[in-house]
PDB file of N, CA and C in Angstrom:
ATOM      1  N   MET A   1     -38.485  23.917  30.925  1.00  0.00           N
ATOM      2  CA  MET A   1     -37.885  23.334  29.750  1.00  0.00           C
ATOM      3  C   MET A   1     -37.917  21.812  29.825  1.00  0.00           C
ATOM      4  N   CYS A   2     -37.689  21.239  31.006  1.00  0.00           N
ATOM      5  CA  CYS A   2     -37.792  19.793  31.161  1.00  0.00           C
ATOM      6  C   CYS A   2     -39.198  19.330  30.831  1.00  0.00           C
ATOM      7  N   TYR A   3     -40.174  20.131  31.223  1.00  0.00           N
ATOM      8  CA  TYR A   3     -41.557  19.766  30.969  1.00  0.00           C
ATOM      9  C   TYR A   3     -41.822  19.680  29.471  1.00  0.00           C
ATOM     10  N   LEU A   4     -41.289  20.633  28.693  1.00  0.00           N
ATOM     11  CA  LEU A   4     -41.475  20.602  27.240  1.00  0.00           C
ATOM     12  C   LEU A   4     -40.844  19.363  26.627  1.00  0.00           C
ATOM     13  N   ALA A   5     -39.650  19.022  27.074  1.00  0.00           N
ATOM     14  CA  ALA A   5     -38.973  17.860  26.520  1.00  0.00           C
ATOM     15  C   ALA A   5     -39.737  16.585  26.848  1.00  0.00           C
ATOM     16  N   GLN A   6     -40.292  16.520  28.060  1.00  0.00           N
ATOM     17  CA  GLN A   6     -41.038  15.332  28.439  1.00  0.00           C
ATOM     18  C   GLN A   6     -42.373  15.254  27.710  1.00  0.00           C
ATOM     19  N   ALA A   7     -42.951  16.382  27.409  1.00  0.00           N
ATOM     20  CA  ALA A   7     -44.249  16.402  26.751  1.00  0.00           C
ATOM     21  C   ALA A   7     -44.127  16.347  25.234  1.00  0.00           C
ATOM     22  N   GLY A   8     -42.914  16.109  24.745  1.00  0.00           N
ATOM     23  CA  GLY A   8     -42.732  16.040  23.297  1.00  0.00           C
ATOM     24  C   GLY A   8     -42.563  17.410  22.681  1.00  0.00           C
ATOM     25  N   GLY A   9     -41.953  18.321  23.427  1.00  0.00           N
ATOM     26  CA  GLY A   9     -41.721  19.670  22.924  1.00  0.00           C
ATOM     27  C   GLY A   9     -40.707  19.684  21.796  1.00  0.00           C
ATOM     28  N   SER A  10     -40.394  20.880  21.329  1.00  0.00           N
ATOM     29  CA  SER A  10     -39.531  21.027  20.154  1.00  0.00           C
ATOM     30  C   SER A  10     -38.132  20.481  20.389  1.00  0.00           C
ATOM     31  N   LEU A  11     -37.626  20.563  21.602  1.00  0.00           N
ATOM     32  CA  LEU A  11     -36.292  20.018  21.871  1.00  0.00           C
ATOM     33  C   LEU A  11     -36.285  18.512  21.659  1.00  0.00           C
ATOM     34  N   ASP A  12     -37.329  17.846  22.127  1.00  0.00           N
ATOM     35  CA  ASP A  12     -37.417  16.399  21.979  1.00  0.00           C
ATOM     36  C   ASP A  12     -37.551  16.016  20.508  1.00  0.00           C
ATOM     37  N   LYS A  13     -38.336  16.760  19.752  1.00  0.00           N
ATOM     38  CA  LYS A  13     -38.516  16.470  18.329  1.00  0.00           C
ATOM     39  C   LYS A  13     -37.213  16.669  17.564  1.00  0.00           C
ATOM     40  N   ALA A  14     -36.465  17.700  17.913  1.00  0.00           N
ATOM     41  CA  ALA A  14     -35.178  17.931  17.247  1.00  0.00           C
ATOM     42  C   ALA A  14     -34.219  16.796  17.546  1.00  0.00           C
ATOM     43  N   ARG A  15     -34.206  16.334  18.805  1.00  0.00           N
ATOM     44  CA  ARG A  15     -33.351  15.221  19.194  1.00  0.00           C
ATOM     45  C   ARG A  15     -33.762  13.958  18.443  1.00  0.00           C
ATOM     46  N   GLN A  16     -35.079  13.717  18.336  1.00  0.00           N
ATOM     47  CA  GLN A  16     -35.567  12.549  17.608  1.00  0.00           C
ATOM     48  C   GLN A  16     -35.188  12.625  16.139  1.00  0.00           C
ATOM     49  N   SER A  17     -35.278  13.831  15.578  1.00  0.00           N
ATOM     50  CA  SER A  17     -34.914  14.014  14.175  1.00  0.00           C
ATOM     51  C   SER A  17     -33.448  13.688  13.968  1.00  0.00           C
ATOM     52  N   GLY A  18     -32.590  14.133  14.890  1.00  0.00           N
ATOM     53  CA  GLY A  18     -31.161  13.838  14.808  1.00  0.00           C
ATOM     54  C   GLY A  18     -30.890  12.352  14.937  1.00  0.00           C
ATOM     55  N   ILE A  19     -31.569  11.707  15.857  1.00  0.00           N
ATOM     56  CA  ILE A  19     -31.404  10.267  16.047  1.00  0.00           C
ATOM     57  C   ILE A  19     -31.907   9.524  14.820  1.00  0.00           C
ATOM     58  N   SER A  20     -33.023   9.978  14.276  1.00  0.00           N
ATOM     59  CA  SER A  20     -33.573   9.355  13.071  1.00  0.00           C
ATOM     60  C   SER A  20     -32.584   9.448  11.904  1.00  0.00           C
ATOM     61  N   LYS A  21     -31.938  10.611  11.767  1.00  0.00           N
ATOM     62  CA  LYS A  21     -30.934  10.772  10.710  1.00  0.00           C
ATOM     63  C   LYS A  21     -29.764   9.820  10.931  1.00  0.00           C
ATOM     64  N   GLN A  22     -29.316   9.692  12.176  1.00  0.00           N
ATOM     65  CA  GLN A  22     -28.212   8.783  12.477  1.00  0.00           C
ATOM     66  C   GLN A  22     -28.580   7.345  12.129  1.00  0.00           C
ATOM     67  N   ILE A  23     -29.802   6.946  12.438  1.00  0.00           N
ATOM     68  CA  ILE A  23     -30.243   5.589  12.117  1.00  0.00           C
ATOM     69  C   ILE A  23     -30.278   5.398  10.609  1.00  0.00           C
ATOM     70  N   ASP A  24     -30.823   6.383   9.891  1.00  0.00           N
ATOM     71  CA  ASP A  24     -30.853   6.304   8.425  1.00  0.00           C
ATOM     72  C   ASP A  24     -29.451   6.205   7.863  1.00  0.00           C
ATOM     73  N   PHE A  25     -28.533   7.023   8.371  1.00  0.00           N
ATOM     74  CA  PHE A  25     -27.157   6.996   7.893  1.00  0.00           C
ATOM     75  C   PHE A  25     -26.494   5.660   8.198  1.00  0.00           C
ATOM     76  N   SER A  26     -26.765   5.095   9.382  1.00  0.00           N
ATOM     77  CA  SER A  26     -26.126   3.823   9.730  1.00  0.00           C
ATOM     78  C   SER A  26     -26.651   2.698   8.840  1.00  0.00           C
ATOM     79  N   ILE A  27     -27.934   2.733   8.522  1.00  0.00           N
ATOM     80  CA  ILE A  27     -28.493   1.726   7.614  1.00  0.00           C
ATOM     81  C   ILE A  27     -27.869   1.880   6.232  1.00  0.00           C
ATOM     82  N   THR A  28     -27.772   3.108   5.751  1.00  0.00           N
ATOM     83  CA  THR A  28     -27.157   3.368   4.442  1.00  0.00           C
ATOM     84  C   THR A  28     -25.707   2.918   4.437  1.00  0.00           C
ATOM     85  N   GLN A  29     -24.984   3.183   5.524  1.00  0.00           N
ATOM     86  CA  GLN A  29     -23.584   2.754   5.622  1.00  0.00           C
ATOM     87  C   GLN A  29     -23.486   1.234   5.514  1.00  0.00           C
ATOM     88  N   GLU A  30     -24.371   0.516   6.185  1.00  0.00           N
ATOM     89  CA  GLU A  30     -24.341  -0.946   6.135  1.00  0.00           C
ATOM     90  C   GLU A  30     -24.615  -1.456   4.728  1.00  0.00           C
ATOM     91  N   VAL A  31     -25.586  -0.853   4.053  1.00  0.00           N
ATOM     92  CA  VAL A  31     -25.897  -1.250   2.681  1.00  0.00           C
ATOM     93  C   VAL A  31     -24.690  -0.988   1.778  1.00  0.00           C
ATOM     94  N   LEU A  32     -24.070   0.183   1.925  1.00  0.00           N
ATOM     95  CA  LEU A  32     -22.910   0.520   1.100  1.00  0.00           C
ATOM     96  C   LEU A  32     -21.724  -0.401   1.396  1.00  0.00           C
ATOM     97  N   ARG A  33     -21.515  -0.747   2.668  1.00  0.00           N
ATOM     98  CA  ARG A  33     -20.440  -1.687   2.999  1.00  0.00           C
ATOM     99  C   ARG A  33     -20.690  -3.047   2.352  1.00  0.00           C
ATOM    100  N   GLY A  34     -21.936  -3.508   2.392  1.00  0.00           N
ATOM    101  CA  GLY A  34     -22.286  -4.773   1.741  1.00  0.00           C
ATOM    102  C   GLY A  34     -22.042  -4.702   0.244  1.00  0.00           C
ATOM    103  N   TYR A  35     -22.403  -3.592  -0.365  1.00  0.00           N
ATOM    104  CA  TYR A  35     -22.155  -3.396  -1.793  1.00  0.00           C
ATOM    105  C   TYR A  35     -20.651  -3.381  -2.057  1.00  0.00           C
ATOM    106  N   GLY A  36     -19.907  -2.675  -1.212  1.00  0.00           N
ATOM    107  CA  GLY A  36     -18.449  -2.634  -1.352  1.00  0.00           C
ATOM    108  C   GLY A  36     -17.830  -4.013  -1.249  1.00  0.00           C
ATOM    109  N   ASP A  37     -18.316  -4.833  -0.314  1.00  0.00           N
ATOM    110  CA  ASP A  37     -17.814  -6.202  -0.173  1.00  0.00           C
ATOM    111  C   ASP A  37     -18.082  -7.015  -1.434  1.00  0.00           C
ATOM    112  N   ALA A  38     -19.286  -6.860  -2.003  1.00  0.00           N
ATOM    113  CA  ALA A  38     -19.626  -7.588  -3.233  1.00  0.00           C
ATOM    114  C   ALA A  38     -18.730  -7.148  -4.390  1.00  0.00           C
ATOM    115  N   VAL A  39     -18.491  -5.845  -4.490  1.00  0.00           N
ATOM    116  CA  VAL A  39     -17.616  -5.328  -5.560  1.00  0.00           C
ATOM    117  C   VAL A  39     -16.195  -5.851  -5.376  1.00  0.00           C
ATOM    118  N   LYS A  40     -15.693  -5.814  -4.130  1.00  0.00           N
ATOM    119  CA  LYS A  40     -14.339  -6.326  -3.865  1.00  0.00           C
ATOM    120  C   LYS A  40     -14.220  -7.795  -4.244  1.00  0.00           C
ATOM    121  N   GLU A  41     -15.235  -8.583  -3.932  1.00  0.00           N
ATOM    122  CA  GLU A  41     -15.202 -10.010  -4.256  1.00  0.00           C
ATOM    123  C   GLU A  41     -15.153 -10.226  -5.765  1.00  0.00           C
ATOM    124  N   GLN A  42     -15.909  -9.452  -6.507  1.00  0.00           N
ATOM    125  CA  GLN A  42     -15.882  -9.589  -7.967  1.00  0.00           C
ATOM    126  C   GLN A  42     -14.534  -9.152  -8.545  1.00  0.00           C
ATOM    127  N   ILE A  43     -13.985  -8.090  -8.019  1.00  0.00           N
ATOM    128  CA  ILE A  43     -12.656  -7.647  -8.463  1.00  0.00           C
ATOM    129  C   ILE A  43     -11.623  -8.731  -8.153  1.00  0.00           C
ATOM    130  N   ARG A  44     -11.719  -9.305  -6.951  1.00  0.00           N
ATOM    131  CA  ARG A  44     -10.809 -10.377  -6.539  1.00  0.00           C
ATOM    132  C   ARG A  44     -10.903 -11.562  -7.507  1.00  0.00           C
ATOM    133  N   LYS A  45     -12.124 -11.953  -7.882  1.00  0.00           N
ATOM    134  CA  LYS A  45     -12.316 -13.071  -8.811  1.00  0.00           C
ATOM    135  C   LYS A  45     -11.696 -12.785 -10.176  1.00  0.00           C
ATOM    136  N   VAL A  46     -11.904 -11.578 -10.669  1.00  0.00           N
ATOM    137  CA  VAL A  46     -11.337 -11.203 -11.976  1.00  0.00           C
ATOM    138  C   VAL A  46      -9.812 -11.227 -11.921  1.00  0.00           C
ATOM    139  N   LEU A  47      -9.245 -10.643 -10.879  1.00  0.00           N
ATOM    140  CA  LEU A  47      -7.783 -10.607 -10.763  1.00  0.00           C
ATOM    141  C   LEU A  47      -7.200 -12.006 -10.593  1.00  0.00           C
ATOM    142  N   ARG A  48      -7.884 -12.855  -9.839  1.00  0.00           N
ATOM    143  CA  ARG A  48      -7.406 -14.233  -9.679  1.00  0.00           C
ATOM    144  C   ARG A  48      -7.466 -14.992 -11.006  1.00  0.00           C
ATOM    145  N   ALA A  49      -8.514 -14.746 -11.787  1.00  0.00           N
ATOM    146  CA  ALA A  49      -8.615 -15.399 -13.102  1.00  0.00           C
ATOM    147  C   ALA A  49      -7.483 -14.921 -14.017  1.00  0.00           C
ATOM    148  N   ILE A  50      -7.186 -13.645 -13.981  1.00  0.00           N
ATOM    149  CA  ILE A  50      -6.083 -13.109 -14.790  1.00  0.00           C
ATOM    150  C   ILE A  50      -4.765 -13.702 -14.324  1.00  0.00           C
ATOM    151  N   GLU A  51      -4.576 -13.758 -13.005  1.00  0.00           N
ATOM    152  CA  GLU A  51      -3.330 -14.326 -12.451  1.00  0.00           C
ATOM    153  C   GLU A  51      -3.194 -15.793 -12.835  1.00  0.00           C
ATOM    154  N   ALA A  52      -4.290 -16.545 -12.774  1.00  0.00           N
ATOM    155  CA  ALA A  52      -4.238 -17.967 -13.123  1.00  0.00           C
ATOM    156  C   ALA A  52      -3.903 -18.156 -14.598  1.00  0.00           C
ATOM    157  N   THR A  53      -4.442 -17.309 -15.433  1.00  0.00           N
ATOM    158  CA  THR A  53      -4.161 -17.393 -16.873  1.00  0.00           C
ATOM    159  C   THR A  53      -2.708 -17.047 -17.169  1.00  0.00           C
ATOM    160  N   ARG A  54      -2.218 -16.013 -16.529  1.00  0.00           N
ATOM    161  CA  ARG A  54      -0.836 -15.579 -16.771  1.00  0.00           C
ATOM    162  C   ARG A  54       0.179 -16.415 -16.023  1.00  0.00           C
ATOM    163  N   GLU A  55      -0.256 -17.104 -14.979  1.00  0.00           N
ATOM    164  CA  GLU A  55       0.607 -17.936 -14.137  1.00  0.00           C
ATOM    165  C   GLU A  55       1.779 -17.143 -13.563  1.00  0.00           C
ATOM    166  N   ASP A  56       1.464 -15.965 -13.027  1.00  0.00           N
ATOM    167  CA  ASP A  56       2.475 -15.087 -12.450  1.00  0.00           C
ATOM    168  C   ASP A  56       2.874 -15.495 -11.036  1.00  0.00           C
ATOM    169  N   GLY A  57       2.049 -16.272 -10.378  1.00  0.00           N
ATOM    170  CA  GLY A  57       2.347 -16.661  -9.004  1.00  0.00           C
ATOM    171  C   GLY A  57       2.130 -15.528  -8.009  1.00  0.00           C
ATOM    172  N   LEU A  58       1.265 -14.601  -8.341  1.00  0.00           N
ATOM    173  CA  LEU A  58       0.994 -13.456  -7.472  1.00  0.00           C
ATOM    174  C   LEU A  58      -0.072 -13.798  -6.437  1.00  0.00           C
ATOM    175  N   GLU A  59       0.013 -13.152  -5.299  1.00  0.00           N
ATOM    176  CA  GLU A  59      -1.031 -13.269  -4.298  1.00  0.00           C
ATOM    177  C   GLU A  59      -1.951 -12.070  -4.456  1.00  0.00           C
ATOM    178  N   ILE A  60      -3.229 -12.318  -4.599  1.00  0.00           N
ATOM    179  CA  ILE A  60      -4.206 -11.263  -4.861  1.00  0.00           C
ATOM    180  C   ILE A  60      -4.851 -10.811  -3.553  1.00  0.00           C
ATOM    181  N   SER A  61      -4.886  -9.491  -3.356  1.00  0.00           N
ATOM    182  CA  SER A  61      -5.545  -8.904  -2.201  1.00  0.00           C
ATOM    183  C   SER A  61      -6.277  -7.644  -2.655  1.00  0.00           C
ATOM    184  N   VAL A  62      -7.526  -7.528  -2.279  1.00  0.00           N
ATOM    185  CA  VAL A  62      -8.323  -6.357  -2.645  1.00  0.00           C
ATOM    186  C   VAL A  62      -8.828  -5.722  -1.355  1.00  0.00           C
ATOM    187  N   THR A  63      -8.542  -4.452  -1.171  1.00  0.00           N
ATOM    188  CA  THR A  63      -8.987  -3.747   0.032  1.00  0.00           C
ATOM    189  C   THR A  63      -9.642  -2.439  -0.369  1.00  0.00           C
ATOM    190  N   GLY A  64     -10.266  -1.809   0.590  1.00  0.00           N
ATOM    191  CA  GLY A  64     -10.908  -0.520   0.354  1.00  0.00           C
ATOM    192  C   GLY A  64     -12.395  -0.690   0.128  1.00  0.00           C
ATOM    193  N   ILE A  65     -12.981   0.326  -0.428  1.00  0.00           N
ATOM    194  CA  ILE A  65     -14.415   0.369  -0.711  1.00  0.00           C
ATOM    195  C   ILE A  65     -15.234   0.001   0.532  1.00  0.00           C
ATOM    196  N   ASP A  66     -14.789   0.462   1.685  1.00  0.00           N
ATOM    197  CA  ASP A  66     -15.545   0.160   2.892  1.00  0.00           C
ATOM    198  C   ASP A  66     -15.844   1.400   3.729  1.00  0.00           C
ATOM    199  N   GLU A  67     -15.424   2.562   3.262  1.00  0.00           N
ATOM    200  CA  GLU A  67     -15.751   3.814   3.941  1.00  0.00           C
ATOM    201  C   GLU A  67     -16.428   4.738   2.944  1.00  0.00           C
ATOM    202  N   PHE A  68     -17.607   5.223   3.306  1.00  0.00           N
ATOM    203  CA  PHE A  68     -18.376   6.083   2.428  1.00  0.00           C
ATOM    204  C   PHE A  68     -18.778   7.327   3.197  1.00  0.00           C
ATOM    205  N   ASP A  69     -18.644   8.462   2.548  1.00  0.00           N
ATOM    206  CA  ASP A  69     -19.032   9.721   3.169  1.00  0.00           C
ATOM    207  C   ASP A  69     -20.428  10.071   2.680  1.00  0.00           C
ATOM    208  N   ILE A  70     -21.410   9.842   3.524  1.00  0.00           N
ATOM    209  CA  ILE A  70     -22.788  10.105   3.129  1.00  0.00           C
ATOM    210  C   ILE A  70     -23.378  11.246   3.935  1.00  0.00           C
ATOM    211  N   GLY A  71     -22.514  11.986   4.594  1.00  0.00           N
ATOM    212  CA  GLY A  71     -22.982  13.086   5.418  1.00  0.00           C
ATOM    213  C   GLY A  71     -23.628  14.179   4.581  1.00  0.00           C
ATOM    214  N   ASP A  72     -24.346  15.030   5.231  1.00  0.00           N
ATOM    215  CA  ASP A  72     -25.051  16.126   4.589  1.00  0.00           C
ATOM    216  C   ASP A  72     -24.124  17.339   4.538  1.00  0.00           C
ATOM    217  N   PHE A  73     -23.841  17.819   3.328  1.00  0.00           N
ATOM    218  CA  PHE A  73     -22.915  18.940   3.171  1.00  0.00           C
ATOM    219  C   PHE A  73     -23.429  20.191   3.871  1.00  0.00           C
ATOM    220  N   THR A  74     -24.741  20.376   3.906  1.00  0.00           N
ATOM    221  CA  THR A  74     -25.276  21.569   4.568  1.00  0.00           C
ATOM    222  C   THR A  74     -24.961  21.556   6.058  1.00  0.00           C
ATOM    223  N   THR A  75     -24.907  20.377   6.656  1.00  0.00           N
ATOM    224  CA  THR A  75     -24.541  20.269   8.070  1.00  0.00           C
ATOM    225  C   THR A  75     -23.077  20.655   8.253  1.00  0.00           C
ATOM    226  N   ASP A  76     -22.202  20.151   7.366  1.00  0.00           N
ATOM    227  CA  ASP A  76     -20.784  20.512   7.427  1.00  0.00           C
ATOM    228  C   ASP A  76     -20.603  22.012   7.241  1.00  0.00           C
ATOM    229  N   LEU A  77     -21.351  22.581   6.315  1.00  0.00           N
ATOM    230  CA  LEU A  77     -21.262  24.008   6.040  1.00  0.00           C
ATOM    231  C   LEU A  77     -21.706  24.828   7.245  1.00  0.00           C
ATOM    232  N   ALA A  78     -22.792  24.417   7.868  1.00  0.00           N
ATOM    233  CA  ALA A  78     -23.283  25.115   9.057  1.00  0.00           C
ATOM    234  C   ALA A  78     -22.305  24.989  10.215  1.00  0.00           C
ATOM    235  N   ASP A  79     -21.738  23.787  10.392  1.00  0.00           N
ATOM    236  CA  ASP A  79     -20.739  23.588  11.449  1.00  0.00           C
ATOM    237  C   ASP A  79     -19.528  24.478  11.220  1.00  0.00           C
ATOM    238  N   ALA A  80     -19.076  24.563   9.975  1.00  0.00           N
ATOM    239  CA  ALA A  80     -17.915  25.398   9.650  1.00  0.00           C
ATOM    240  C   ALA A  80     -18.230  26.869   9.905  1.00  0.00           C
ATOM    241  N   ALA A  81     -19.415  27.302   9.522  1.00  0.00           N
ATOM    242  CA  ALA A  81     -19.804  28.703   9.745  1.00  0.00           C
ATOM    243  C   ALA A  81     -19.828  29.024  11.231  1.00  0.00           C
ATOM    244  N   ARG A  82     -20.360  28.096  12.035  1.00  0.00           N
ATOM    245  CA  ARG A  82     -20.372  28.323  13.489  1.00  0.00           C
ATOM    246  C   ARG A  82     -18.956  28.375  14.054  1.00  0.00           C
ATOM    247  N   LEU A  83     -18.105  27.483  13.590  1.00  0.00           N
ATOM    248  CA  LEU A  83     -16.724  27.460  14.066  1.00  0.00           C
ATOM    249  C   LEU A  83     -16.006  28.749  13.682  1.00  0.00           C
ATOM    250  N   LEU A  84     -16.179  29.175  12.443  1.00  0.00           N
ATOM    251  CA  LEU A  84     -15.558  30.433  12.018  1.00  0.00           C
ATOM    252  C   LEU A  84     -16.150  31.617  12.776  1.00  0.00           C
ATOM    253  N   GLY A  85     -17.422  31.523  13.134  1.00  0.00           N
ATOM    254  CA  GLY A  85     -18.092  32.588  13.873  1.00  0.00           C
ATOM    255  C   GLY A  85     -17.602  32.751  15.298  1.00  0.00           C
ATOM    256  N   LEU A  86     -16.872  31.772  15.800  1.00  0.00           N
ATOM    257  CA  LEU A  86     -16.331  31.880  17.157  1.00  0.00           C
ATOM    258  C   LEU A  86     -15.242  32.945  17.246  1.00  0.00           C
ATOM    259  N   GLY A  87     -14.716  33.325  16.095  1.00  0.00           N
ATOM    260  CA  GLY A  87     -13.704  34.381  16.069  1.00  0.00           C
ATOM    261  C   GLY A  87     -12.320  33.921  16.488  1.00  0.00           C
ATOM    262  N   ILE A  88     -12.021  32.669  16.336  1.00  0.00           N
ATOM    263  CA  ILE A  88     -10.688  32.159  16.668  1.00  0.00           C
ATOM    264  C   ILE A  88      -9.680  32.790  15.717  1.00  0.00           C
ATOM    265  N   GLN A  89      -8.666  33.406  16.281  1.00  0.00           N
ATOM    266  CA  GLN A  89      -7.669  34.123  15.483  1.00  0.00           C
ATOM    267  C   GLN A  89      -6.586  33.168  14.989  1.00  0.00           C
ATOM    268  N   SER A  90      -6.920  32.385  13.970  1.00  0.00           N
ATOM    269  CA  SER A  90      -5.970  31.430  13.411  1.00  0.00           C
ATOM    270  C   SER A  90      -6.188  31.314  11.905  1.00  0.00           C
ATOM    271  N   GLU A  91      -5.231  31.824  11.154  1.00  0.00           N
ATOM    272  CA  GLU A  91      -5.306  31.705   9.700  1.00  0.00           C
ATOM    273  C   GLU A  91      -5.204  30.236   9.272  1.00  0.00           C
ATOM    274  N   THR A  92      -4.421  29.469  10.020  1.00  0.00           N
ATOM    275  CA  THR A  92      -4.274  28.045   9.701  1.00  0.00           C
ATOM    276  C   THR A  92      -5.613  27.338   9.837  1.00  0.00           C
ATOM    277  N   LEU A  93      -6.331  27.581  10.928  1.00  0.00           N
ATOM    278  CA  LEU A  93      -7.637  26.978  11.134  1.00  0.00           C
ATOM    279  C   LEU A  93      -8.587  27.365  10.011  1.00  0.00           C
ATOM    280  N   LYS A  94      -8.614  28.650   9.670  1.00  0.00           N
ATOM    281  CA  LYS A  94      -9.496  29.132   8.611  1.00  0.00           C
ATOM    282  C   LYS A  94      -9.172  28.441   7.285  1.00  0.00           C
ATOM    283  N   LYS A  95      -7.897  28.338   6.948  1.00  0.00           N
ATOM    284  CA  LYS A  95      -7.497  27.686   5.697  1.00  0.00           C
ATOM    285  C   LYS A  95      -7.876  26.214   5.695  1.00  0.00           C
ATOM    286  N   GLU A  96      -7.673  25.546   6.818  1.00  0.00           N
ATOM    287  CA  GLU A  96      -8.002  24.122   6.896  1.00  0.00           C
ATOM    288  C   GLU A  96      -9.503  23.888   6.751  1.00  0.00           C
ATOM    289  N   ILE A  97     -10.302  24.756   7.353  1.00  0.00           N
ATOM    290  CA  ILE A  97     -11.758  24.638   7.218  1.00  0.00           C
ATOM    291  C   ILE A  97     -12.168  24.855   5.766  1.00  0.00           C
ATOM    292  N   PHE A  98     -11.608  25.900   5.148  1.00  0.00           N
ATOM    293  CA  PHE A  98     -11.938  26.178   3.752  1.00  0.00           C
ATOM    294  C   PHE A  98     -11.504  25.032   2.841  1.00  0.00           C
ATOM    295  N   LYS A  99     -10.331  24.466   3.092  1.00  0.00           N
ATOM    296  CA  LYS A  99      -9.864  23.353   2.264  1.00  0.00           C
ATOM    297  C   LYS A  99     -10.780  22.136   2.423  1.00  0.00           C
ATOM    298  N   LYS A 100     -11.135  21.831   3.667  1.00  0.00           N
ATOM    299  CA  LYS A 100     -11.989  20.676   3.917  1.00  0.00           C
ATOM    300  C   LYS A 100     -13.331  20.836   3.209  1.00  0.00           C
ATOM    301  N   LEU A 101     -13.937  22.005   3.332  1.00  0.00           N
ATOM    302  CA  LEU A 101     -15.220  22.244   2.676  1.00  0.00           C
ATOM    303  C   LEU A 101     -15.091  22.191   1.159  1.00  0.00           C
ATOM    304  N   ALA A 102     -14.060  22.836   0.641  1.00  0.00           N
ATOM    305  CA  ALA A 102     -13.870  22.876  -0.812  1.00  0.00           C
ATOM    306  C   ALA A 102     -13.659  21.470  -1.365  1.00  0.00           C
ATOM    307  N   LEU A 103     -12.812  20.684  -0.717  1.00  0.00           N
ATOM    308  CA  LEU A 103     -12.530  19.336  -1.212  1.00  0.00           C
ATOM    309  C   LEU A 103     -13.756  18.431  -1.107  1.00  0.00           C
ATOM    310  N   LYS A 104     -14.534  18.623  -0.061  1.00  0.00           N
ATOM    311  CA  LYS A 104     -15.752  17.820   0.073  1.00  0.00           C
ATOM    312  C   LYS A 104     -16.746  18.206  -1.019  1.00  0.00           C
ATOM    313  N   TYR A 105     -16.874  19.493  -1.275  1.00  0.00           N
ATOM    314  CA  TYR A 105     -17.800  19.954  -2.300  1.00  0.00           C
ATOM    315  C   TYR A 105     -17.342  19.528  -3.690  1.00  0.00           C
ATOM    316  N   LEU A 106     -16.040  19.502  -3.903  1.00  0.00           N
ATOM    317  CA  LEU A 106     -15.475  19.165  -5.210  1.00  0.00           C
ATOM    318  C   LEU A 106     -15.072  17.691  -5.306  1.00  0.00           C
ATOM    319  N   CYS A 107     -15.702  16.840  -4.533  1.00  0.00           N
ATOM    320  CA  CYS A 107     -15.289  15.432  -4.458  1.00  0.00           C
ATOM    321  C   CYS A 107     -15.246  14.742  -5.816  1.00  0.00           C
ATOM    322  N   ASP A 108     -16.071  15.175  -6.755  1.00  0.00           N
ATOM    323  CA  ASP A 108     -16.080  14.523  -8.066  1.00  0.00           C
ATOM    324  C   ASP A 108     -15.311  15.304  -9.127  1.00  0.00           C
ATOM    325  N   ALA A 109     -14.602  16.328  -8.707  1.00  0.00           N
ATOM    326  CA  ALA A 109     -13.789  17.119  -9.642  1.00  0.00           C
ATOM    327  C   ALA A 109     -12.463  16.420  -9.909  1.00  0.00           C
ATOM    328  N   ARG A 110     -11.826  16.803 -11.001  1.00  0.00           N
ATOM    329  CA  ARG A 110     -10.512  16.246 -11.332  1.00  0.00           C
ATOM    330  C   ARG A 110      -9.500  16.646 -10.249  1.00  0.00           C
ATOM    331  N   GLN A 111      -8.499  15.798 -10.044  1.00  0.00           N
ATOM    332  CA  GLN A 111      -7.510  16.036  -9.000  1.00  0.00           C
ATOM    333  C   GLN A 111      -6.745  17.331  -9.243  1.00  0.00           C
ATOM    334  N   ASP A 112      -6.436  17.661 -10.504  1.00  0.00           N
ATOM    335  CA  ASP A 112      -5.692  18.891 -10.772  1.00  0.00           C
ATOM    336  C   ASP A 112      -6.502  20.127 -10.367  1.00  0.00           C
ATOM    337  N   VAL A 113      -7.814  20.066 -10.490  1.00  0.00           N
ATOM    338  CA  VAL A 113      -8.664  21.178 -10.055  1.00  0.00           C
ATOM    339  C   VAL A 113      -8.609  21.294  -8.537  1.00  0.00           C
ATOM    340  N   LYS A 114      -8.719  20.163  -7.852  1.00  0.00           N
ATOM    341  CA  LYS A 114      -8.643  20.170  -6.389  1.00  0.00           C
ATOM    342  C   LYS A 114      -7.305  20.730  -5.916  1.00  0.00           C
ATOM    343  N   ASP A 115      -6.219  20.303  -6.567  1.00  0.00           N
ATOM    344  CA  ASP A 115      -4.887  20.778  -6.195  1.00  0.00           C
ATOM    345  C   ASP A 115      -4.778  22.286  -6.370  1.00  0.00           C
ATOM    346  N   ARG A 116      -5.337  22.821  -7.460  1.00  0.00           N
ATOM    347  CA  ARG A 116      -5.292  24.268  -7.694  1.00  0.00           C
ATOM    348  C   ARG A 116      -6.077  25.018  -6.632  1.00  0.00           C
ATOM    349  N   VAL A 117      -7.249  24.499  -6.283  1.00  0.00           N
ATOM    350  CA  VAL A 117      -8.072  25.144  -5.257  1.00  0.00           C
ATOM    351  C   VAL A 117      -7.318  25.174  -3.929  1.00  0.00           C
ATOM    352  N   VAL A 118      -6.708  24.064  -3.561  1.00  0.00           N
ATOM    353  CA  VAL A 118      -5.946  24.005  -2.305  1.00  0.00           C
ATOM    354  C   VAL A 118      -4.790  25.004  -2.328  1.00  0.00           C
ATOM    355  N   MET A 119      -4.072  25.069  -3.469  1.00  0.00           N
ATOM    356  CA  MET A 119      -2.956  26.024  -3.574  1.00  0.00           C
ATOM    357  C   MET A 119      -3.457  27.463  -3.445  1.00  0.00           C
ATOM    358  N   GLU A 120      -4.611  27.764  -4.044  1.00  0.00           N
ATOM    359  CA  GLU A 120      -5.160  29.107  -3.946  1.00  0.00           C
ATOM    360  C   GLU A 120      -5.565  29.445  -2.520  1.00  0.00           C
ATOM    361  N   ILE A 121      -6.140  28.492  -1.810  1.00  0.00           N
ATOM    362  CA  ILE A 121      -6.500  28.727  -0.412  1.00  0.00           C
ATOM    363  C   ILE A 121      -5.252  28.943   0.431  1.00  0.00           C
ATOM    364  N   GLU A 122      -4.213  28.168   0.161  1.00  0.00           N
ATOM    365  CA  GLU A 122      -2.958  28.299   0.902  1.00  0.00           C
ATOM    366  C   GLU A 122      -2.258  29.630   0.630  1.00  0.00           C
ATOM    367  N   ALA A 123      -2.462  30.190  -0.566  1.00  0.00           N
ATOM    368  CA  ALA A 123      -1.736  31.413  -0.962  1.00  0.00           C
ATOM    369  C   ALA A 123      -2.173  32.642  -0.199  1.00  0.00           C
TER     370      ALA A 123
END
């Protein structure tokens, strides 16, 4: 098996593919963080202009827009299936996995829909 990995066998290619994905994700994360910083700066400028016009004497602070979930849902789904396949006897674990997957899949759904799904999983 060591010989295959050294000769560029399938294990090495799979590892390279995983590393390549991590590099792609890290580059995408950096681009998104830069975009988030630009958006925050523009929001800050608008709010400061509004504050200056109104003369409220407020201190403006803009935070957030610096964490992005760009992971592959199929990877999360496969990880969850493997974890559930271990046969761990915990209803709490099962519910938490289902909630995490459901909320990730429904990330663009209305909050009331997400809340209903969570309540149904909990029931």
